[in-house]
C-alpha atoms as a PDB file:
ATOM      1  CA  MET A   1      -9.979  13.506 -12.252  1.00  0.00           C
ATOM      2  CA  PHE A   2      -8.071  10.341 -13.100  1.00  0.00           C
ATOM      3  CA  SER A   3      -7.665   8.077 -16.104  1.00  0.00           C
ATOM      4  CA  GLY A   4      -7.601   4.648 -14.469  1.00  0.00           C
ATOM      5  CA  ILE A   5      -4.036   4.019 -15.646  1.00  0.00           C
ATOM      6  CA  VAL A   6      -2.104   2.861 -12.580  1.00  0.00           C
ATOM      7  CA  GLU A   7       1.277   4.545 -12.301  1.00  0.00           C
ATOM      8  CA  GLU A   8       2.710   2.537  -9.448  1.00  0.00           C
ATOM      9  CA  VAL A   9       1.878  -0.069  -6.825  1.00  0.00           C
ATOM     10  CA  GLY A  10       2.527   1.378  -3.391  1.00  0.00           C
ATOM     11  CA  GLU A  11       2.332  -0.132   0.078  1.00  0.00           C
ATOM     12  CA  ILE A  12       0.505   0.914   3.229  1.00  0.00           C
ATOM     13  CA  VAL A  13       3.345   0.980   5.755  1.00  0.00           C
ATOM     14  CA  ALA A  14       1.615   2.610   8.728  1.00  0.00           C
ATOM     15  CA  LEU A  15      -1.923   3.236   9.933  1.00  0.00           C
ATOM     16  CA  ARG A  16      -3.135   5.575  12.629  1.00  0.00           C
ATOM     17  CA  GLU A  17      -6.701   5.416  13.867  1.00  0.00           C
ATOM     18  CA  LEU A  18      -8.228   8.836  14.504  1.00  0.00           C
ATOM     19  CA  GLU A  19     -11.689   9.789  15.723  1.00  0.00           C
ATOM     20  CA  GLY A  20     -13.859   8.857  12.730  1.00  0.00           C
ATOM     21  CA  ALA A  21     -10.848   8.758  10.413  1.00  0.00           C
ATOM     22  CA  ARG A  22      -7.731   6.808   9.462  1.00  0.00           C
ATOM     23  CA  GLU A  23      -4.342   8.241   8.583  1.00  0.00           C
ATOM     24  CA  LEU A  24      -2.455   6.127   6.056  1.00  0.00           C
ATOM     25  CA  ARG A  25       1.251   6.309   5.351  1.00  0.00           C
ATOM     26  CA  VAL A  26       1.969   5.094   1.835  1.00  0.00           C
ATOM     27  CA  LEU A  27       5.357   3.956   0.550  1.00  0.00           C
ATOM     28  CA  ALA A  28       5.889   5.083  -3.042  1.00  0.00           C
ATOM     29  CA  SER A  29       8.670   6.196  -5.354  1.00  0.00           C
ATOM     30  CA  GLY A  30       7.715   6.897  -8.956  1.00  0.00           C
ATOM     31  CA  ILE A  31       4.807   9.253  -8.334  1.00  0.00           C
ATOM     32  CA  LEU A  32       6.639  11.400  -5.769  1.00  0.00           C
ATOM     33  CA  ASP A  33       8.370  13.530  -8.434  1.00  0.00           C
ATOM     34  CA  ASP A  34       5.239  15.607  -9.000  1.00  0.00           C
ATOM     35  CA  LEU A  35       3.117  15.030  -5.907  1.00  0.00           C
ATOM     36  CA  PRO A  36       2.941  18.148  -3.723  1.00  0.00           C
ATOM     37  CA  VAL A  37       1.060  18.447  -0.447  1.00  0.00           C
ATOM     38  CA  GLY A  38      -2.589  19.105  -1.297  1.00  0.00           C
ATOM     39  CA  ALA A  39      -2.483  17.113  -4.542  1.00  0.00           C
ATOM     40  CA  SER A  40      -5.077  14.483  -5.379  1.00  0.00           C
ATOM     41  CA  VAL A  41      -3.929  10.882  -5.499  1.00  0.00           C
ATOM     42  CA  ALA A  42      -6.035   7.756  -6.037  1.00  0.00           C
ATOM     43  CA  LEU A  43      -5.489   4.747  -3.770  1.00  0.00           C
ATOM     44  CA  ASP A  44      -7.191   1.754  -5.375  1.00  0.00           C
ATOM     45  CA  GLY A  45      -9.350   4.273  -7.217  1.00  0.00           C
ATOM     46  CA  ALA A  46     -10.428   6.289  -4.164  1.00  0.00           C
ATOM     47  CA  CYS A  47      -9.400   9.938  -4.401  1.00  0.00           C
ATOM     48  CA  HIS A  48      -7.402  11.241  -1.434  1.00  0.00           C
ATOM     49  CA  THR A  49      -5.556  14.465  -0.666  1.00  0.00           C
ATOM     50  CA  VAL A  50      -1.846  14.282   0.105  1.00  0.00           C
ATOM     51  CA  ALA A  51      -1.566  15.581   3.682  1.00  0.00           C
ATOM     52  CA  THR A  52       2.203  15.335   4.158  1.00  0.00           C
ATOM     53  CA  LEU A  53       5.254  14.157   2.280  1.00  0.00           C
ATOM     54  CA  VAL A  54       7.454  11.796   4.295  1.00  0.00           C
ATOM     55  CA  GLU A  55      10.651   9.876   3.646  1.00  0.00           C
ATOM     56  CA  GLY A  56       9.867   7.544   0.746  1.00  0.00           C
ATOM     57  CA  GLY A  57       6.188   8.356   0.545  1.00  0.00           C
ATOM     58  CA  PHE A  58       3.247  10.417   1.722  1.00  0.00           C
ATOM     59  CA  THR A  59       0.285  10.408   4.104  1.00  0.00           C
ATOM     60  CA  VAL A  60      -3.428  10.768   3.469  1.00  0.00           C
ATOM     61  CA  THR A  61      -6.415  10.822   5.792  1.00  0.00           C
ATOM     62  CA  SER A  62      -9.562   8.829   5.021  1.00  0.00           C
ATOM     63  CA  ILE A  63     -12.787  10.003   6.612  1.00  0.00           C
ATOM     64  CA  GLY A  64     -16.555   9.324   6.734  1.00  0.00           C
ATOM     65  CA  THR A  65     -17.810   8.503   3.262  1.00  0.00           C
ATOM     66  CA  THR A  66     -14.489   7.100   2.066  1.00  0.00           C
ATOM     67  CA  LEU A  67     -14.357   4.697   5.004  1.00  0.00           C
ATOM     68  CA  SER A  68     -17.972   3.592   4.537  1.00  0.00           C
ATOM     69  CA  ARG A  69     -18.011   3.245   0.722  1.00  0.00           C
ATOM     70  CA  THR A  70     -14.582   1.792  -0.044  1.00  0.00           C
ATOM     71  CA  VAL A  71     -12.189  -0.937   1.074  1.00  0.00           C
ATOM     72  CA  VAL A  72      -9.959   1.626   2.829  1.00  0.00           C
ATOM     73  CA  SER A  73     -11.478   0.670   6.187  1.00  0.00           C
ATOM     74  CA  HIS A  74     -10.070  -2.864   5.692  1.00  0.00           C
ATOM     75  CA  TYR A  75      -6.510  -1.816   4.865  1.00  0.00           C
ATOM     76  CA  GLN A  76      -3.771  -3.255   7.059  1.00  0.00           C
ATOM     77  CA  GLU A  77      -0.043  -2.564   7.128  1.00  0.00           C
ATOM     78  CA  GLY A  78       1.655  -4.320   4.221  1.00  0.00           C
ATOM     79  CA  ARG A  79      -1.337  -3.958   1.892  1.00  0.00           C
ATOM     80  CA  GLU A  80      -0.397  -3.100  -1.691  1.00  0.00           C
ATOM     81  CA  VAL A  81      -2.437  -0.353  -3.368  1.00  0.00           C
ATOM     82  CA  ASN A  82      -2.759   0.920  -6.929  1.00  0.00           C
ATOM     83  CA  LEU A  83      -1.603   4.554  -7.140  1.00  0.00           C
ATOM     84  CA  GLU A  84      -2.380   7.245  -9.694  1.00  0.00           C
ATOM     85  CA  ARG A  85      -1.833  10.990  -9.655  1.00  0.00           C
ATOM     86  CA  ALA A  86      -4.556  13.283 -11.014  1.00  0.00           C
ATOM     87  CA  VAL A  87      -4.561  13.787 -14.780  1.00  0.00           C
ATOM     88  CA  ALA A  88      -2.805  16.963 -15.928  1.00  0.00           C
ATOM     89  CA  VAL A  89      -4.777  19.171 -18.321  1.00  0.00           C
ATOM     90  CA  GLY A  90      -3.492  18.537 -21.831  1.00  0.00           C
ATOM     91  CA  ALA A  91      -2.207  15.051 -21.010  1.00  0.00           C
ATOM     92  CA  ARG A  92      -3.171  12.039 -23.097  1.00  0.00           C
ATOM     93  CA  LEU A  93      -6.215  10.236 -21.646  1.00  0.00           C
ATOM     94  CA  ASP A  94      -5.303   6.576 -22.085  1.00  0.00           C
ATOM     95  CA  GLY A  95      -8.010   5.006 -19.901  1.00  0.00           C
ATOM     96  CA  HIS A  96     -11.386   6.652 -19.324  1.00  0.00           C
ATOM     97  CA  LEU A  97     -12.712   9.488 -17.155  1.00  0.00           C
ATOM     98  CA  VAL A  98     -12.474   8.302 -13.545  1.00  0.00           C
ATOM     99  CA  GLN A  99     -13.490  10.650 -10.745  1.00  0.00           C
ATOM    100  CA  GLY A 100     -11.958   8.717  -7.890  1.00  0.00           C
ATOM    101  CA  HIS A 101     -15.390   8.772  -6.230  1.00  0.00           C
ATOM    102  CA  VAL A 102     -15.965   5.100  -5.520  1.00  0.00           C
ATOM    103  CA  ASP A 103     -19.610   4.099  -5.961  1.00  0.00           C
ATOM    104  CA  ALA A 104     -19.565   0.825  -4.084  1.00  0.00           C
ATOM    105  CA  VAL A 105     -17.599  -2.183  -2.926  1.00  0.00           C
ATOM    106  CA  GLY A 106     -17.667  -5.219  -5.206  1.00  0.00           C
ATOM    107  CA  ARG A 107     -16.204  -8.692  -4.837  1.00  0.00           C
ATOM    108  CA  LEU A 108     -14.027 -10.906  -7.037  1.00  0.00           C
ATOM    109  CA  VAL A 109     -15.906 -14.162  -7.563  1.00  0.00           C
ATOM    110  CA  GLY A 110     -13.760 -15.982 -10.089  1.00  0.00           C
ATOM    111  CA  ILE A 111     -10.516 -16.034 -12.069  1.00  0.00           C
ATOM    112  CA  GLU A 112     -10.088 -18.058 -15.249  1.00  0.00           C
ATOM    113  CA  GLU A 113      -6.677 -18.340 -16.888  1.00  0.00           C
ATOM    114  CA  ARG A 114      -6.768 -18.236 -20.681  1.00  0.00           C
ATOM    115  CA  GLY A 115      -3.228 -18.754 -21.848  1.00  0.00           C
ATOM    116  CA  ASP A 116      -1.372 -15.497 -21.228  1.00  0.00           C
ATOM    117  CA  TYR A 117      -4.384 -13.521 -20.033  1.00  0.00           C
ATOM    118  CA  ARG A 118      -7.031 -13.893 -17.353  1.00  0.00           C
ATOM    119  CA  LEU A 119     -10.785 -13.390 -17.154  1.00  0.00           C
ATOM    120  CA  LEU A 120     -11.974 -12.013 -13.813  1.00  0.00           C
ATOM    121  CA  ASP A 121     -15.614 -12.119 -12.724  1.00  0.00           C
ATOM    122  CA  PHE A 122     -16.831  -9.495 -10.252  1.00  0.00           C
ATOM    123  CA  GLU A 123     -20.013  -9.209  -8.241  1.00  0.00           C
ATOM    124  CA  VAL A 124     -21.118  -5.561  -8.219  1.00  0.00           C
ATOM    125  CA  PRO A 125     -24.080  -3.899  -6.510  1.00  0.00           C
ATOM    126  CA  PRO A 126     -27.060  -2.524  -8.502  1.00  0.00           C
ATOM    127  CA  GLU A 127     -25.923   1.115  -8.293  1.00  0.00           C
ATOM    128  CA  VAL A 128     -22.997   0.108 -10.505  1.00  0.00           C
ATOM    129  CA  SER A 129     -24.517  -2.711 -12.570  1.00  0.00           C
ATOM    130  CA  ASP A 130     -27.258  -0.325 -13.745  1.00  0.00           C
ATOM    131  CA  LEU A 131     -24.509   1.746 -15.421  1.00  0.00           C
ATOM    132  CA  MET A 132     -22.788  -1.134 -17.193  1.00  0.00           C
ATOM    133  CA  ILE A 133     -22.917  -1.773 -20.924  1.00  0.00           C
ATOM    134  CA  LEU A 134     -21.118  -4.470 -22.873  1.00  0.00           C
ATOM    135  CA  HIS A 135     -17.675  -3.175 -23.900  1.00  0.00           C
ATOM    136  CA  GLY A 136     -18.200  -0.068 -21.768  1.00  0.00           C
ATOM    137  CA  SER A 137     -15.834   1.169 -19.078  1.00  0.00           C
ATOM    138  CA  ILE A 138     -15.599   0.400 -15.379  1.00  0.00           C
ATOM    139  CA  ALA A 139     -12.926   1.206 -12.797  1.00  0.00           C
ATOM    140  CA  ILE A 140     -12.015  -1.583 -10.375  1.00  0.00           C
ATOM    141  CA  ASN A 141      -9.490  -0.692  -7.672  1.00  0.00           C
ATOM    142  CA  GLY A 142      -8.725   2.364  -9.767  1.00  0.00           C
ATOM    143  CA  VAL A 143      -7.901   0.446 -12.946  1.00  0.00           C
ATOM    144  CA  SER A 144      -9.695   1.439 -16.147  1.00  0.00           C
ATOM    145  CA  LEU A 145     -11.160  -1.746 -17.621  1.00  0.00           C
ATOM    146  CA  THR A 146     -13.436  -2.756 -20.471  1.00  0.00           C
ATOM    147  CA  ILE A 147     -16.490  -4.854 -19.620  1.00  0.00           C
ATOM    148  CA  ASN A 148     -15.989  -8.111 -21.495  1.00  0.00           C
ATOM    149  CA  ALA A 149     -19.323  -9.640 -20.438  1.00  0.00           C
ATOM    150  CA  ILE A 150     -22.288  -8.826 -18.247  1.00  0.00           C
ATOM    151  CA  LEU A 151     -23.023 -11.795 -16.014  1.00  0.00           C
ATOM    152  CA  ASP A 152     -26.485 -13.246 -15.363  1.00  0.00           C
ATOM    153  CA  ASP A 153     -26.405 -12.084 -11.737  1.00  0.00           C
ATOM    154  CA  GLY A 154     -25.675  -8.484 -12.786  1.00  0.00           C
ATOM    155  CA  GLY A 155     -21.940  -8.745 -12.243  1.00  0.00           C
ATOM    156  CA  CYS A 156     -19.301  -8.196 -14.875  1.00  0.00           C
ATOM    157  CA  GLN A 157     -16.335  -9.917 -16.425  1.00  0.00           C
ATOM    158  CA  VAL A 158     -13.137  -8.146 -17.436  1.00  0.00           C
ATOM    159  CA  GLY A 159     -10.074  -9.381 -19.279  1.00  0.00           C
ATOM    160  CA  ILE A 160      -6.659  -8.707 -17.756  1.00  0.00           C
ATOM    161  CA  ILE A 161      -3.638  -8.674 -20.055  1.00  0.00           C
ATOM    162  CA  PRO A 162      -0.230  -9.774 -18.682  1.00  0.00           C
ATOM    163  CA  PHE A 163       1.047  -6.175 -18.392  1.00  0.00           C
ATOM    164  CA  THR A 164      -1.920  -5.087 -16.242  1.00  0.00           C
ATOM    165  CA  TRP A 165      -1.666  -8.261 -14.147  1.00  0.00           C
ATOM    166  CA  GLU A 166       1.970  -7.510 -13.295  1.00  0.00           C
ATOM    167  CA  ALA A 167       1.681  -3.699 -12.989  1.00  0.00           C
ATOM    168  CA  THR A 168      -1.291  -3.620 -10.573  1.00  0.00           C
ATOM    169  CA  THR A 169      -2.557  -5.307  -7.435  1.00  0.00           C
ATOM    170  CA  PHE A 170      -4.761  -7.665  -9.458  1.00  0.00           C
ATOM    171  CA  ARG A 171      -2.037 -10.307  -9.140  1.00  0.00           C
ATOM    172  CA  SER A 172      -2.712 -10.500  -5.392  1.00  0.00           C
ATOM    173  CA  LEU A 173      -6.513 -10.764  -5.587  1.00  0.00           C
ATOM    174  CA  THR A 174      -8.207 -14.042  -4.724  1.00  0.00           C
ATOM    175  CA  PRO A 175     -11.890 -14.981  -4.992  1.00  0.00           C
ATOM    176  CA  GLY A 176     -13.785 -13.289  -2.183  1.00  0.00           C
ATOM    177  CA  THR A 177     -11.538 -10.212  -2.132  1.00  0.00           C
ATOM    178  CA  GLU A 178     -13.477  -6.943  -1.913  1.00  0.00           C
ATOM    179  CA  VAL A 179     -12.644  -4.200  -4.409  1.00  0.00           C
ATOM    180  CA  ASN A 180     -13.502  -0.540  -5.012  1.00  0.00           C
ATOM    181  CA  VAL A 181     -15.824  -0.071  -7.986  1.00  0.00           C
ATOM    182  CA  GLU A 182     -16.646   3.126  -9.863  1.00  0.00           C
ATOM    183  CA  GLY A 183     -19.275   3.087 -12.590  1.00  0.00           C
ATOM    184  CA  ASP A 184     -18.964   4.969 -15.863  1.00  0.00           C
ATOM    185  CA  LEU A 185     -19.188   8.743 -15.369  1.00  0.00           C
ATOM    186  CA  ILE A 186     -21.148   9.367 -18.568  1.00  0.00           C
ATOM    187  CA  GLY A 187     -23.587   6.605 -17.623  1.00  0.00           C
ATOM    188  CA  LYS A 188     -24.280   8.360 -14.315  1.00  0.00           C
ATOM    189  CA  TYR A 189     -25.301  11.580 -16.051  1.00  0.00           C
ATOM    190  CA  VAL A 190     -27.426   9.740 -18.622  1.00  0.00           C
ATOM    191  CA  ARG A 191     -29.204   7.824 -15.839  1.00  0.00           C
ATOM    192  CA  LYS A 192     -29.892  11.058 -13.950  1.00  0.00           C
ATOM    193  CA  LEU A 193     -31.264  12.810 -17.040  1.00  0.00           C
ATOM    194  CA  MET A 194     -33.437   9.815 -17.975  1.00  0.00           C
ATOM    195  CA  ALA A 195     -34.928   9.725 -14.468  1.00  0.00           C
ATOM    196  CA  ARG A 196     -36.313  13.264 -14.771  1.00  0.00           C
ATOM    197  CA  PRO A 197     -40.098  13.487 -15.263  1.00  0.00           C
END
């Protein structure tokens, strides 16, 4: 379980293609203090297991569902990624409950600068847009965000403050960039319960 509060921006420094899988070597520093082998770590919001610790970072292996439902399959060497360790029991929950189970891939469709902050419009598929409510939560590339507006096409708009812009990979996104999207956890359970006969 994660909170959607990015702890560090890391970098994919090596990729190894395996049969039906990809091994990623991630350069990091700040999160290594408490990141043992076997720990959960979110890369752009997609939960991975730390396979090995290496000089200046760690490795993870992405398989099957992760490769088909996230942007991990598009990663190249040099790609920056948002990193977050799993939430410790008893820690303050500053974002919202994020499982690290990406629901779908969305796409940035527009950026509007408004003085010191930015409004970003995202296209999201129905499995996520059905969970959205105005001022509710959504995780985009692992960042906990508040839905500022629901767009006519079913997408959403979020506001990005200067701190978040500088502390995450949002600063490198351009219109057309694909992103990992996770809908609100509570909304998923409500939808499931409401669908029962």
